[in-house]
Every structure is written in structure tokens, then in C-alpha cells.
């Protein structure tokens, strides 16, 4: 039986750890990536901007976001494994 076919199975989007981790990643890193993207596409006057503020925001938020997301994925997979073991 596939874990995706079971309506009662635990979904990744239901995990609070994953939601918080992705939110931290997006809110912390997106300003820096947006500046890099716009400079790469030539939409800014300066082709080599120095985004100190967004870089300082991305630095302390990137790894906690990745770690929380990974911990959420591991916990959902473990919960799915426990749930499938109980149904057999």
C-alpha cells in the first residue's frame, strides 16, 4: 500500500516544523536572492551590487531554516512509518 494513497496519512504540509523552516528560509533569504537575480538580469544600475543588509539577514536565517525543514521531514517520515506499522 502506498503512503500517498491513504487519506489518513500524515502530510508534509501539515508539519509545523516544515512550515516554520520554510518560512524562515523564504523570509530570510529571498531579499538577497532577489537582489542577485535583478543584478544578474541587468535590471539594476549597478551590475555588482553590495547587498550588506540582505546578506546580514540571510546569514543567521539560512541554516536554522534548513535544519528545521529537515527535522520536520524526518519527523513526518517517522510518524508515517509508525502509522503504517500500526495499520498492519
PDB file of N, CA and C in Angstrom:
ATOM      1  N   UNK A   1       0.848  -1.172   0.000  1.00  0.00           N
ATOM      2  CA  UNK A   1       0.000   0.000   0.000  1.00  0.00           C
ATOM      3  C   UNK A   1       0.893   1.235   0.000  1.00  0.00           C
ATOM      4  N   UNK A   2       0.558   2.193  -0.843  1.00  0.00           N
ATOM      5  CA  UNK A   2       1.322   3.418  -0.940  1.00  0.00           C
ATOM      6  C   UNK A   2       0.943   4.383   0.185  1.00  0.00           C
ATOM      7  N   UNK A   3       1.934   5.066   0.795  1.00  0.00           N
ATOM      8  CA  UNK A   3       1.584   6.021   1.851  1.00  0.00           C
ATOM      9  C   UNK A   3       0.846   7.239   1.313  1.00  0.00           C
ATOM     10  N   UNK A   4       0.940   7.471  -0.006  1.00  0.00           N
ATOM     11  CA  UNK A   4       0.258   8.610  -0.592  1.00  0.00           C
ATOM     12  C   UNK A   4      -1.201   8.328  -0.882  1.00  0.00           C
ATOM     13  N   UNK A   5      -1.580   7.069  -0.950  1.00  0.00           N
ATOM     14  CA  UNK A   5      -2.955   6.711  -1.228  1.00  0.00           C
ATOM     15  C   UNK A   5      -3.841   6.700   0.004  1.00  0.00           C
ATOM     16  N   UNK A   6      -3.245   6.712   1.178  1.00  0.00           N
ATOM     17  CA  UNK A   6      -4.000   6.655   2.418  1.00  0.00           C
ATOM     18  C   UNK A   6      -4.459   8.056   2.808  1.00  0.00           C
ATOM     19  N   UNK A   7      -5.750   8.254   2.944  1.00  0.00           N
ATOM     20  CA  UNK A   7      -6.301   9.578   3.259  1.00  0.00           C
ATOM     21  C   UNK A   7      -5.928  10.018   4.673  1.00  0.00           C
ATOM     22  N   UNK A   8      -5.687   9.064   5.559  1.00  0.00           N
ATOM     23  CA  UNK A   8      -5.369   9.399   6.947  1.00  0.00           C
ATOM     24  C   UNK A   8      -3.871   9.581   7.171  1.00  0.00           C
ATOM     25  N   UNK A   9      -3.059   9.460   6.112  1.00  0.00           N
ATOM     26  CA  UNK A   9      -1.616   9.562   6.297  1.00  0.00           C
ATOM     27  C   UNK A   9      -1.221  11.011   6.592  1.00  0.00           C
ATOM     28  N   UNK A  10      -0.085  11.158   7.221  1.00  0.00           N
ATOM     29  CA  UNK A  10       0.413  12.460   7.621  1.00  0.00           C
ATOM     30  C   UNK A  10       1.076  13.112   6.406  1.00  0.00           C
ATOM     31  N   UNK A  11       0.707  14.370   6.154  1.00  0.00           N
ATOM     32  CA  UNK A  11       1.249  15.084   5.002  1.00  0.00           C
ATOM     33  C   UNK A  11       2.355  16.021   5.452  1.00  0.00           C
ATOM     34  N   UNK A  12       3.276  16.296   4.545  1.00  0.00           N
ATOM     35  CA  UNK A  12       4.389  17.188   4.854  1.00  0.00           C
ATOM     36  C   UNK A  12       3.894  18.596   5.150  1.00  0.00           C
ATOM     37  N   UNK A  13       2.875  19.052   4.442  1.00  0.00           N
ATOM     38  CA  UNK A  13       2.412  20.427   4.650  1.00  0.00           C
ATOM     39  C   UNK A  13       1.699  20.611   5.989  1.00  0.00           C
ATOM     40  N   UNK A  14       1.373  19.536   6.678  1.00  0.00           N
ATOM     41  CA  UNK A  14       0.733  19.630   7.987  1.00  0.00           C
ATOM     42  C   UNK A  14       1.738  19.792   9.124  1.00  0.00           C
ATOM     43  N   UNK A  15       3.016  19.619   8.835  1.00  0.00           N
ATOM     44  CA  UNK A  15       4.043  19.690   9.872  1.00  0.00           C
ATOM     45  C   UNK A  15       4.375  21.144  10.201  1.00  0.00           C
ATOM     46  N   UNK A  16       4.294  21.489  11.467  1.00  0.00           N
ATOM     47  CA  UNK A  16       4.616  22.841  11.913  1.00  0.00           C
ATOM     48  C   UNK A  16       6.102  23.137  11.740  1.00  0.00           C
ATOM     49  N   UNK A  17       6.953  22.145  11.961  1.00  0.00           N
ATOM     50  CA  UNK A  17       8.392  22.352  11.788  1.00  0.00           C
ATOM     51  C   UNK A  17       8.730  22.702  10.346  1.00  0.00           C
ATOM     52  N   UNK A  18       8.107  22.025   9.401  1.00  0.00           N
ATOM     53  CA  UNK A  18       8.371  22.310   7.993  1.00  0.00           C
ATOM     54  C   UNK A  18       7.862  23.699   7.633  1.00  0.00           C
ATOM     55  N   UNK A  19       6.677  24.041   8.103  1.00  0.00           N
ATOM     56  CA  UNK A  19       6.140  25.372   7.792  1.00  0.00           C
ATOM     57  C   UNK A  19       7.021  26.485   8.351  1.00  0.00           C
ATOM     58  N   UNK A  20       7.468  26.332   9.581  1.00  0.00           N
ATOM     59  CA  UNK A  20       8.326  27.357  10.189  1.00  0.00           C
ATOM     60  C   UNK A  20       9.675  27.408   9.469  1.00  0.00           C
ATOM     61  N   UNK A  21      10.248  26.258   9.169  1.00  0.00           N
ATOM     62  CA  UNK A  21      11.537  26.217   8.481  1.00  0.00           C
ATOM     63  C   UNK A  21      11.495  26.860   7.109  1.00  0.00           C
ATOM     64  N   UNK A  22      10.460  26.560   6.341  1.00  0.00           N
ATOM     65  CA  UNK A  22      10.335  27.158   5.008  1.00  0.00           C
ATOM     66  C   UNK A  22      10.073  28.660   5.120  1.00  0.00           C
ATOM     67  N   UNK A  23       9.269  29.066   6.085  1.00  0.00           N
ATOM     68  CA  UNK A  23       9.000  30.499   6.266  1.00  0.00           C
ATOM     69  C   UNK A  23      10.276  31.255   6.618  1.00  0.00           C
ATOM     70  N   UNK A  24      11.083  30.690   7.508  1.00  0.00           N
ATOM     71  CA  UNK A  24      12.343  31.335   7.876  1.00  0.00           C
ATOM     72  C   UNK A  24      13.271  31.407   6.667  1.00  0.00           C
ATOM     73  N   UNK A  25      13.329  30.331   5.901  1.00  0.00           N
ATOM     74  CA  UNK A  25      14.168  30.319   4.704  1.00  0.00           C
ATOM     75  C   UNK A  25      13.731  31.371   3.700  1.00  0.00           C
ATOM     76  N   UNK A  26      12.450  31.424   3.421  1.00  0.00           N
ATOM     77  CA  UNK A  26      11.945  32.351   2.414  1.00  0.00           C
ATOM     78  C   UNK A  26      12.076  33.798   2.878  1.00  0.00           C
ATOM     79  N   UNK A  27      11.653  34.082   4.100  1.00  0.00           N
ATOM     80  CA  UNK A  27      11.708  35.464   4.581  1.00  0.00           C
ATOM     81  C   UNK A  27      13.132  35.958   4.794  1.00  0.00           C
ATOM     82  N   UNK A  28      14.033  35.074   5.153  1.00  0.00           N
ATOM     83  CA  UNK A  28      15.403  35.493   5.414  1.00  0.00           C
ATOM     84  C   UNK A  28      16.274  35.580   4.176  1.00  0.00           C
ATOM     85  N   UNK A  29      16.051  34.706   3.210  1.00  0.00           N
ATOM     86  CA  UNK A  29      16.944  34.633   2.061  1.00  0.00           C
ATOM     87  C   UNK A  29      16.399  35.288   0.796  1.00  0.00           C
ATOM     88  N   UNK A  30      15.098  35.466   0.697  1.00  0.00           N
ATOM     89  CA  UNK A  30      14.538  35.986  -0.553  1.00  0.00           C
ATOM     90  C   UNK A  30      14.993  37.404  -0.896  1.00  0.00           C
ATOM     91  N   UNK A  31      15.168  38.326   0.070  1.00  0.00           N
ATOM     92  CA  UNK A  31      15.669  39.645  -0.354  1.00  0.00           C
ATOM     93  C   UNK A  31      17.052  39.583  -1.018  1.00  0.00           C
ATOM     94  N   UNK A  32      17.934  38.764  -0.480  1.00  0.00           N
ATOM     95  CA  UNK A  32      19.264  38.628  -1.067  1.00  0.00           C
ATOM     96  C   UNK A  32      19.186  37.985  -2.449  1.00  0.00           C
ATOM     97  N   UNK A  33      18.409  36.923  -2.580  1.00  0.00           N
ATOM     98  CA  UNK A  33      18.288  36.265  -3.876  1.00  0.00           C
ATOM     99  C   UNK A  33      17.596  37.150  -4.903  1.00  0.00           C
ATOM    100  N   UNK A  34      16.679  38.002  -4.465  1.00  0.00           N
ATOM    101  CA  UNK A  34      16.017  38.930  -5.371  1.00  0.00           C
ATOM    102  C   UNK A  34      17.012  39.964  -5.907  1.00  0.00           C
ATOM    103  N   UNK A  35      17.878  40.456  -5.047  1.00  0.00           N
ATOM    104  CA  UNK A  35      18.903  41.408  -5.495  1.00  0.00           C
ATOM    105  C   UNK A  35      19.880  40.734  -6.449  1.00  0.00           C
ATOM    106  N   UNK A  36      20.281  39.517  -6.144  1.00  0.00           N
ATOM    107  CA  UNK A  36      21.192  38.782  -7.032  1.00  0.00           C
ATOM    108  C   UNK A  36      20.534  38.539  -8.381  1.00  0.00           C
ATOM    109  N   UNK A  37      19.259  38.180  -8.383  1.00  0.00           N
ATOM    110  CA  UNK A  37      18.537  37.922  -9.631  1.00  0.00           C
ATOM    111  C   UNK A  37      18.388  39.180 -10.471  1.00  0.00           C
ATOM    112  N   UNK A  38      17.980  40.276  -9.842  1.00  0.00           N
ATOM    113  CA  UNK A  38      17.803  41.513 -10.610  1.00  0.00           C
ATOM    114  C   UNK A  38      19.128  42.036 -11.156  1.00  0.00           C
ATOM    115  N   UNK A  39      20.214  41.894 -10.415  1.00  0.00           N
ATOM    116  CA  UNK A  39      21.524  42.314 -10.913  1.00  0.00           C
ATOM    117  C   UNK A  39      21.973  41.403 -12.055  1.00  0.00           C
ATOM    118  N   UNK A  40      21.698  40.120 -11.938  1.00  0.00           N
ATOM    119  CA  UNK A  40      22.069  39.185 -12.992  1.00  0.00           C
ATOM    120  C   UNK A  40      21.304  39.411 -14.286  1.00  0.00           C
ATOM    121  N   UNK A  41      20.068  39.862 -14.166  1.00  0.00           N
ATOM    122  CA  UNK A  41      19.256  40.149 -15.350  1.00  0.00           C
ATOM    123  C   UNK A  41      19.513  41.539 -15.914  1.00  0.00           C
ATOM    124  N   UNK A  42      20.313  42.332 -15.213  1.00  0.00           N
ATOM    125  CA  UNK A  42      20.636  43.673 -15.680  1.00  0.00           C
ATOM    126  C   UNK A  42      19.557  44.699 -15.399  1.00  0.00           C
ATOM    127  N   UNK A  43      18.725  44.458 -14.417  1.00  0.00           N
ATOM    128  CA  UNK A  43      17.639  45.371 -14.099  1.00  0.00           C
ATOM    129  C   UNK A  43      18.055  46.471 -13.132  1.00  0.00           C
ATOM    130  N   UNK A  44      19.281  46.445 -12.637  1.00  0.00           N
ATOM    131  CA  UNK A  44      19.768  47.474 -11.721  1.00  0.00           C
ATOM    132  C   UNK A  44      20.862  48.288 -12.405  1.00  0.00           C
ATOM    133  N   UNK A  45      21.097  49.497 -11.889  1.00  0.00           N
ATOM    134  CA  UNK A  45      22.155  50.338 -12.460  1.00  0.00           C
ATOM    135  C   UNK A  45      23.529  49.743 -12.189  1.00  0.00           C
ATOM    136  N   UNK A  46      23.693  49.163 -11.014  1.00  0.00           N
ATOM    137  CA  UNK A  46      24.983  48.593 -10.625  1.00  0.00           C
ATOM    138  C   UNK A  46      24.994  47.105 -10.949  1.00  0.00           C
ATOM    139  N   UNK A  47      25.868  46.645 -11.845  1.00  0.00           N
ATOM    140  CA  UNK A  47      25.894  45.212 -12.174  1.00  0.00           C
ATOM    141  C   UNK A  47      26.487  44.352 -11.057  1.00  0.00           C
ATOM    142  N   UNK A  48      27.201  44.960 -10.126  1.00  0.00           N
ATOM    143  CA  UNK A  48      27.799  44.242  -8.995  1.00  0.00           C
ATOM    144  C   UNK A  48      27.392  44.913  -7.688  1.00  0.00           C
ATOM    145  N   UNK A  49      26.140  44.746  -7.264  1.00  0.00           N
ATOM    146  CA  UNK A  49      25.699  45.403  -6.036  1.00  0.00           C
ATOM    147  C   UNK A  49      26.333  44.756  -4.806  1.00  0.00           C
ATOM    148  N   UNK A  50      26.333  45.500  -3.724  1.00  0.00           N
ATOM    149  CA  UNK A  50      26.879  45.017  -2.464  1.00  0.00           C
ATOM    150  C   UNK A  50      25.751  45.022  -1.425  1.00  0.00           C
ATOM    151  N   UNK A  51      24.912  43.987  -1.422  1.00  0.00           N
ATOM    152  CA  UNK A  51      23.733  43.972  -0.546  1.00  0.00           C
ATOM    153  C   UNK A  51      24.080  43.547   0.878  1.00  0.00           C
ATOM    154  N   UNK A  52      24.622  44.475   1.649  1.00  0.00           N
ATOM    155  CA  UNK A  52      25.044  44.171   3.018  1.00  0.00           C
ATOM    156  C   UNK A  52      23.852  43.800   3.898  1.00  0.00           C
ATOM    157  N   UNK A  53      22.807  44.607   3.879  1.00  0.00           N
ATOM    158  CA  UNK A  53      21.640  44.364   4.734  1.00  0.00           C
ATOM    159  C   UNK A  53      20.977  43.014   4.473  1.00  0.00           C
ATOM    160  N   UNK A  54      20.611  42.723   3.205  1.00  0.00           N
ATOM    161  CA  UNK A  54      20.018  41.409   2.941  1.00  0.00           C
ATOM    162  C   UNK A  54      20.964  40.241   3.219  1.00  0.00           C
ATOM    163  N   UNK A  55      22.261  40.465   3.049  1.00  0.00           N
ATOM    164  CA  UNK A  55      23.225  39.414   3.369  1.00  0.00           C
ATOM    165  C   UNK A  55      23.282  39.136   4.855  1.00  0.00           C
ATOM    166  N   UNK A  56      23.226  40.217   5.647  1.00  0.00           N
ATOM    167  CA  UNK A  56      23.210  40.040   7.098  1.00  0.00           C
ATOM    168  C   UNK A  56      21.912  39.401   7.572  1.00  0.00           C
ATOM    169  N   UNK A  57      20.819  39.610   6.853  1.00  0.00           N
ATOM    170  CA  UNK A  57      19.555  38.956   7.185  1.00  0.00           C
ATOM    171  C   UNK A  57      19.591  37.479   6.805  1.00  0.00           C
ATOM    172  N   UNK A  58      20.178  37.167   5.657  1.00  0.00           N
ATOM    173  CA  UNK A  58      20.215  35.789   5.199  1.00  0.00           C
ATOM    174  C   UNK A  58      21.166  34.922   6.021  1.00  0.00           C
ATOM    175  N   UNK A  59      22.243  35.519   6.516  1.00  0.00           N
ATOM    176  CA  UNK A  59      23.254  34.747   7.239  1.00  0.00           C
ATOM    177  C   UNK A  59      22.690  34.002   8.453  1.00  0.00           C
ATOM    178  N   UNK A  60      21.981  34.645   9.369  1.00  0.00           N
ATOM    179  CA  UNK A  60      21.510  33.899  10.548  1.00  0.00           C
ATOM    180  C   UNK A  60      20.207  33.136  10.333  1.00  0.00           C
ATOM    181  N   UNK A  61      19.580  33.286   9.168  1.00  0.00           N
ATOM    182  CA  UNK A  61      18.303  32.606   8.965  1.00  0.00           C
ATOM    183  C   UNK A  61      18.391  31.392   8.057  1.00  0.00           C
ATOM    184  N   UNK A  62      19.440  31.280   7.245  1.00  0.00           N
ATOM    185  CA  UNK A  62      19.503  30.186   6.274  1.00  0.00           C
ATOM    186  C   UNK A  62      19.605  28.816   6.937  1.00  0.00           C
ATOM    187  N   UNK A  63      20.627  28.603   7.752  1.00  0.00           N
ATOM    188  CA  UNK A  63      20.831  27.277   8.342  1.00  0.00           C
ATOM    189  C   UNK A  63      19.744  26.869   9.331  1.00  0.00           C
ATOM    190  N   UNK A  64      19.245  27.774  10.180  1.00  0.00           N
ATOM    191  CA  UNK A  64      18.116  27.360  11.023  1.00  0.00           C
ATOM    192  C   UNK A  64      16.892  26.934  10.194  1.00  0.00           C
ATOM    193  N   UNK A  65      16.644  27.635   9.075  1.00  0.00           N
ATOM    194  CA  UNK A  65      15.533  27.248   8.211  1.00  0.00           C
ATOM    195  C   UNK A  65      15.735  25.873   7.599  1.00  0.00           C
ATOM    196  N   UNK A  66      16.947  25.600   7.148  1.00  0.00           N
ATOM    197  CA  UNK A  66      17.247  24.289   6.559  1.00  0.00           C
ATOM    198  C   UNK A  66      17.141  23.196   7.627  1.00  0.00           C
ATOM    199  N   UNK A  67      17.671  23.451   8.809  1.00  0.00           N
ATOM    200  CA  UNK A  67      17.647  22.447   9.875  1.00  0.00           C
ATOM    201  C   UNK A  67      16.222  22.153  10.329  1.00  0.00           C
ATOM    202  N   UNK A  68      15.393  23.201  10.501  1.00  0.00           N
ATOM    203  CA  UNK A  68      14.002  22.981  10.904  1.00  0.00           C
ATOM    204  C   UNK A  68      13.219  22.230   9.832  1.00  0.00           C
ATOM    205  N   UNK A  69      13.443  22.565   8.577  1.00  0.00           N
ATOM    206  CA  UNK A  69      12.760  21.859   7.493  1.00  0.00           C
ATOM    207  C   UNK A  69      13.174  20.390   7.467  1.00  0.00           C
ATOM    208  N   UNK A  70      14.461  20.129   7.610  1.00  0.00           N
ATOM    209  CA  UNK A  70      14.947  18.750   7.623  1.00  0.00           C
ATOM    210  C   UNK A  70      14.379  17.981   8.813  1.00  0.00           C
ATOM    211  N   UNK A  71      14.346  18.621   9.992  1.00  0.00           N
ATOM    212  CA  UNK A  71      13.789  17.961  11.177  1.00  0.00           C
ATOM    213  C   UNK A  71      12.303  17.662  10.979  1.00  0.00           C
ATOM    214  N   UNK A  72      11.589  18.554  10.313  1.00  0.00           N
ATOM    215  CA  UNK A  72      10.176  18.309  10.026  1.00  0.00           C
ATOM    216  C   UNK A  72       9.977  17.148   9.082  1.00  0.00           C
ATOM    217  N   UNK A  73      10.807  17.058   8.061  1.00  0.00           N
ATOM    218  CA  UNK A  73      10.710  15.936   7.112  1.00  0.00           C
ATOM    219  C   UNK A  73      10.997  14.623   7.823  1.00  0.00           C
ATOM    220  N   UNK A  74      12.034  14.604   8.663  1.00  0.00           N
ATOM    221  CA  UNK A  74      12.366  13.383   9.400  1.00  0.00           C
ATOM    222  C   UNK A  74      11.230  12.989  10.338  1.00  0.00           C
ATOM    223  N   UNK A  75      10.631  13.959  11.028  1.00  0.00           N
ATOM    224  CA  UNK A  75       9.551  13.626  11.963  1.00  0.00           C
ATOM    225  C   UNK A  75       8.301  13.135  11.233  1.00  0.00           C
ATOM    226  N   UNK A  76       7.989  13.714  10.081  1.00  0.00           N
ATOM    227  CA  UNK A  76       6.823  13.246   9.317  1.00  0.00           C
ATOM    228  C   UNK A  76       7.068  11.841   8.790  1.00  0.00           C
ATOM    229  N   UNK A  77       8.276  11.592   8.305  1.00  0.00           N
ATOM    230  CA  UNK A  77       8.579  10.244   7.810  1.00  0.00           C
ATOM    231  C   UNK A  77       8.512   9.215   8.932  1.00  0.00           C
ATOM    232  N   UNK A  78       8.993   9.584  10.122  1.00  0.00           N
ATOM    233  CA  UNK A  78       8.928   8.667  11.262  1.00  0.00           C
ATOM    234  C   UNK A  78       7.480   8.430  11.681  1.00  0.00           C
ATOM    235  N   UNK A  79       6.679   9.474  11.656  1.00  0.00           N
ATOM    236  CA  UNK A  79       5.262   9.320  12.011  1.00  0.00           C
ATOM    237  C   UNK A  79       4.540   8.459  10.987  1.00  0.00           C
ATOM    238  N   UNK A  80       4.887   8.621   9.713  1.00  0.00           N
ATOM    239  CA  UNK A  80       4.285   7.771   8.675  1.00  0.00           C
ATOM    240  C   UNK A  80       4.676   6.305   8.881  1.00  0.00           C
ATOM    241  N   UNK A  81       5.939   6.096   9.236  1.00  0.00           N
ATOM    242  CA  UNK A  81       6.408   4.731   9.452  1.00  0.00           C
ATOM    243  C   UNK A  81       5.701   4.094  10.646  1.00  0.00           C
ATOM    244  N   UNK A  82       5.549   4.873  11.742  1.00  0.00           N
ATOM    245  CA  UNK A  82       4.814   4.362  12.903  1.00  0.00           C
ATOM    246  C   UNK A  82       3.366   4.076  12.543  1.00  0.00           C
ATOM    247  N   UNK A  83       2.757   4.972  11.771  1.00  0.00           N
ATOM    248  CA  UNK A  83       1.351   4.803  11.402  1.00  0.00           C
ATOM    249  C   UNK A  83       1.168   3.588  10.497  1.00  0.00           C
ATOM    250  N   UNK A  84       2.072   3.375   9.561  1.00  0.00           N
ATOM    251  CA  UNK A  84       1.933   2.212   8.684  1.00  0.00           C
ATOM    252  C   UNK A  84       2.203   0.920   9.442  1.00  0.00           C
ATOM    253  N   UNK A  85       3.059   0.976  10.489  1.00  0.00           N
ATOM    254  CA  UNK A  85       3.312  -0.208  11.305  1.00  0.00           C
ATOM    255  C   UNK A  85       2.115  -0.559  12.158  1.00  0.00           C
ATOM    256  N   UNK A  86       1.337   0.425  12.571  1.00  0.00           N
ATOM    257  CA  UNK A  86       0.146   0.177  13.386  1.00  0.00           C
ATOM    258  C   UNK A  86      -1.010  -0.376  12.564  1.00  0.00           C
ATOM    259  N   UNK A  87      -1.044  -0.071  11.272  1.00  0.00           N
ATOM    260  CA  UNK A  87      -2.159  -0.490  10.438  1.00  0.00           C
ATOM    261  C   UNK A  87      -2.008  -1.930   9.966  1.00  0.00           C
ATOM    262  N   UNK A  88      -0.841  -2.483  10.082  1.00  0.00           N
ATOM    263  CA  UNK A  88      -0.640  -3.854   9.563  1.00  0.00           C
ATOM    264  C   UNK A  88      -1.138  -4.891  10.497  1.00  0.00           C
TER     265      UNK A  88
END
